[in-house]
Amino acid sequence: MAFIHDRRVYFSDTDGAGVVFFAQILTFCHDAYEASLAGFGIDLQDFLEIRP
């Protein structure tokens, strides 16, 4: 099961040398994770809902 998520890397995501901040990489992964759930038809609210 493959999933491709395109996201633009902004200048504010990088340091002075143009290297992406480590914490931003985690944000990129989280964005892709949410997009993959939606892409595979999984509703995020239902997925995270706690049921007794």
N, C-alpha and C. Protein backbone atom coordinates (compact mmCIF):
# COMPACT_ATOMS: atom_id res chain seq x y z
N MET A 1 0.86 -1.15 0.00
CA MET A 1 0.00 0.00 0.00
C MET A 1 0.91 1.23 0.00
N ALA A 2 0.91 1.97 -1.08
CA ALA A 2 1.75 3.16 -1.21
C ALA A 2 0.91 4.42 -1.07
N PHE A 3 1.54 5.44 -0.53
CA PHE A 3 0.88 6.73 -0.39
C PHE A 3 1.92 7.81 -0.59
N ILE A 4 1.61 8.77 -1.44
CA ILE A 4 2.52 9.89 -1.70
C ILE A 4 1.83 11.17 -1.26
N HIS A 5 2.53 11.95 -0.47
CA HIS A 5 1.99 13.22 0.03
C HIS A 5 2.99 14.33 -0.30
N ASP A 6 2.58 15.25 -1.14
CA ASP A 6 3.44 16.38 -1.50
C ASP A 6 3.20 17.52 -0.53
N ARG A 7 4.28 18.09 -0.04
CA ARG A 7 4.18 19.25 0.86
C ARG A 7 5.32 20.19 0.54
N ARG A 8 5.01 21.45 0.43
CA ARG A 8 6.01 22.45 0.14
C ARG A 8 6.83 22.73 1.40
N VAL A 9 8.14 22.81 1.25
CA VAL A 9 9.02 23.19 2.36
C VAL A 9 9.28 24.68 2.23
N TYR A 10 8.88 25.42 3.26
CA TYR A 10 9.02 26.87 3.24
C TYR A 10 10.34 27.30 3.84
N PHE A 11 10.75 28.50 3.52
CA PHE A 11 11.98 29.06 4.04
C PHE A 11 11.97 29.06 5.57
N SER A 12 10.81 29.29 6.16
CA SER A 12 10.70 29.32 7.63
C SER A 12 10.87 27.93 8.25
N ASP A 13 10.83 26.87 7.44
CA ASP A 13 11.03 25.51 7.95
C ASP A 13 12.51 25.16 8.08
N THR A 14 13.38 26.04 7.61
CA THR A 14 14.81 25.74 7.56
C THR A 14 15.62 26.70 8.42
N ASP A 15 16.89 26.31 8.65
CA ASP A 15 17.80 27.20 9.34
C ASP A 15 18.58 28.02 8.31
N GLY A 16 19.57 28.76 8.77
CA GLY A 16 20.32 29.64 7.88
C GLY A 16 21.07 28.90 6.78
N ALA A 17 21.39 27.64 6.99
CA ALA A 17 22.11 26.84 5.99
C ALA A 17 21.15 26.13 5.04
N GLY A 18 19.84 26.32 5.24
CA GLY A 18 18.86 25.68 4.36
C GLY A 18 18.51 24.25 4.76
N VAL A 19 18.90 23.86 5.97
CA VAL A 19 18.60 22.52 6.48
C VAL A 19 17.29 22.58 7.25
N VAL A 20 16.41 21.62 7.00
CA VAL A 20 15.12 21.60 7.67
C VAL A 20 15.33 21.31 9.16
N PHE A 21 14.67 22.11 10.01
CA PHE A 21 14.72 21.89 11.45
C PHE A 21 14.19 20.49 11.77
N PHE A 22 14.82 19.79 12.71
CA PHE A 22 14.43 18.43 13.07
C PHE A 22 12.95 18.36 13.47
N ALA A 23 12.50 19.31 14.27
CA ALA A 23 11.11 19.29 14.74
C ALA A 23 10.13 19.43 13.57
N GLN A 24 10.52 20.13 12.52
CA GLN A 24 9.64 20.29 11.36
C GLN A 24 9.45 18.98 10.63
N ILE A 25 10.46 18.12 10.65
CA ILE A 25 10.33 16.82 9.98
C ILE A 25 9.20 16.02 10.63
N LEU A 26 9.09 16.12 11.96
CA LEU A 26 7.99 15.43 12.64
C LEU A 26 6.64 16.01 12.23
N THR A 27 6.57 17.31 12.03
CA THR A 27 5.34 17.95 11.55
C THR A 27 5.00 17.45 10.15
N PHE A 28 6.01 17.31 9.28
CA PHE A 28 5.78 16.79 7.94
C PHE A 28 5.19 15.38 8.01
N CYS A 29 5.75 14.56 8.89
CA CYS A 29 5.27 13.18 9.03
C CYS A 29 3.82 13.15 9.53
N HIS A 30 3.51 14.02 10.47
CA HIS A 30 2.15 14.06 11.00
C HIS A 30 1.16 14.51 9.93
N ASP A 31 1.54 15.52 9.14
CA ASP A 31 0.68 15.97 8.05
C ASP A 31 0.42 14.83 7.06
N ALA A 32 1.46 14.08 6.73
CA ALA A 32 1.32 12.97 5.79
C ALA A 32 0.45 11.86 6.37
N TYR A 33 0.59 11.62 7.67
CA TYR A 33 -0.21 10.59 8.35
C TYR A 33 -1.70 10.94 8.27
N GLU A 34 -2.04 12.20 8.59
CA GLU A 34 -3.44 12.61 8.52
C GLU A 34 -3.96 12.54 7.09
N ALA A 35 -3.14 12.95 6.13
CA ALA A 35 -3.56 12.91 4.73
C ALA A 35 -3.76 11.47 4.27
N SER A 36 -2.92 10.55 4.76
CA SER A 36 -3.07 9.15 4.35
C SER A 36 -4.35 8.54 4.92
N LEU A 37 -4.71 8.90 6.15
CA LEU A 37 -5.97 8.41 6.71
C LEU A 37 -7.14 8.87 5.84
N ALA A 38 -7.14 10.15 5.50
CA ALA A 38 -8.22 10.68 4.66
C ALA A 38 -8.19 10.04 3.27
N GLY A 39 -6.99 9.83 2.74
CA GLY A 39 -6.85 9.24 1.41
C GLY A 39 -7.36 7.82 1.32
N PHE A 40 -7.28 7.09 2.44
CA PHE A 40 -7.77 5.72 2.47
C PHE A 40 -9.19 5.61 3.01
N GLY A 41 -9.85 6.77 3.15
CA GLY A 41 -11.26 6.79 3.54
C GLY A 41 -11.52 6.61 5.03
N ILE A 42 -10.52 6.87 5.86
CA ILE A 42 -10.69 6.72 7.30
C ILE A 42 -10.99 8.10 7.89
N ASP A 43 -12.15 8.24 8.52
CA ASP A 43 -12.53 9.50 9.13
C ASP A 43 -11.74 9.68 10.43
N LEU A 44 -11.01 10.78 10.55
CA LEU A 44 -10.14 11.01 11.70
C LEU A 44 -10.92 11.08 13.01
N GLN A 45 -12.10 11.69 12.99
CA GLN A 45 -12.91 11.77 14.20
C GLN A 45 -13.34 10.38 14.68
N ASP A 46 -13.79 9.56 13.75
CA ASP A 46 -14.19 8.19 14.11
C ASP A 46 -12.98 7.37 14.57
N PHE A 47 -11.86 7.57 13.92
CA PHE A 47 -10.64 6.83 14.23
C PHE A 47 -10.16 7.12 15.67
N LEU A 48 -10.30 8.36 16.10
CA LEU A 48 -9.80 8.76 17.41
C LEU A 48 -10.85 8.73 18.52
N GLU A 49 -12.09 8.45 18.16
CA GLU A 49 -13.15 8.45 19.16
C GLU A 49 -12.98 7.29 20.14
N ILE A 50 -13.13 7.61 21.42
CA ILE A 50 -13.02 6.60 22.46
C ILE A 50 -14.42 6.06 22.75
N ARG A 51 -14.56 4.77 22.62
CA ARG A 51 -15.86 4.15 22.85
C ARG A 51 -15.76 3.19 24.03
N PRO A 52 -16.80 3.16 24.86
CA PRO A 52 -16.76 2.26 26.01
C PRO A 52 -16.89 0.80 25.62
